[in-house]
Amino acid sequence: MIATEPKKELQRKISELRALPAAPAILQPLLQMLRQPPDKIELKKVVQLVQMEKTITAQCLRVANSPLFGRVRPAESITAAVMTLGIQRMEDILLTSCFHQILQPNKWVTPPTDFWRHSLGCALVCKEFAERIDYSDPDRGYLAGLLHDLGIIVNSVTYEREYAAVFAEARNSGLPLDEVERAKLGFTHSESGGMLAKAWQMPELVVEAIEFHHDVGSSPRENPLVEMVHIVDLLCRMRGIGYGYEEWRAVELAADPAWERLAKFCPRLGTMDLIRFTFDMDTYVERVKATVDAVYRRGDA
């Protein structure tokens, strides 16, 4: 857990961060519309709101036309893009657009494409992983995977100089980022991300996955989403979708405590062919990289 003094200072900084005019004006009304029951959502109104914010408009078109969806013909209108993406992906794009506006281009401590490759990679793999082990809500797994490293953005904004040094040391030493963060800052990006997720009133299960994905034993209740994000985060980092540097360590996922904990909630995990799943990821990883390169082009991330 975070030591008392660093925690107080971090909470103060996050309170200031929360007050920043980071989100587009249409964010709240559009999120409220998307979170209505499916039969209450009016596509025409969604499209009208999306068209009011050029950043979100551009993101919708890029994602809809990325390799992720494999359209035969490109989506040339917002209506076509929204129909391709679906409601869940629209919400994800809104959140990531909000994050883009919090973090100015010169404040990134790692190339933005590395961050988004890892985040989107974890989102996609988490959803696939959830489906294979019969987790009840794969889309929630997708959202938790997408947002699990929100704290990297928080730390980059609130501790710009110190965090740049932390990232440089992790890159040069090959150590896991969270280990260097705890040694140098007294807290990790999972903890700072959890704080902001709470402040933004994100779903509790997703908040816990963000806050405890590097410390599953400290999770306050049984929440398989925590273990799932922990495992997928490790898997992606070991398969080349990490923070832009190679971590010098060996990982045996089936021996990780999170694996046994998750198996209690998802018994199918016990019979899962991890080697086959890891092999399947090799093609998937390339797909993720191509998608992020198409969506978050240099200068736009």
Foldseek 3Di string as FASTA:
>chain_A
DFDDPLVVLLLVLLVVLVPDPLADPLLVVLVVLLPDPPVRRDLVVNQVSQVVDVLLQLLLQLLLQFVVQPDPDGDPGSSSSPVSQDSLNSNVSRVVSSLCSSADPVLQLFPPLLVQLQQQQQLVLLLVVCVQLVPPDSSLLSSLSNQLQVLSSSCSRRVRVQVSVLVVVCQVVLADSQVSCCVRSRGGSLQSSLSNCVVVVPDPLSSLLSNPLVPVVPRPDQRLSNLSSVLSSVLCLCLPSHRPHHRPDDDDSCPDPSLVSNCVVRVSSVVDDVVVSSVVCNVVSVSSSRSSCSNCPPPSD
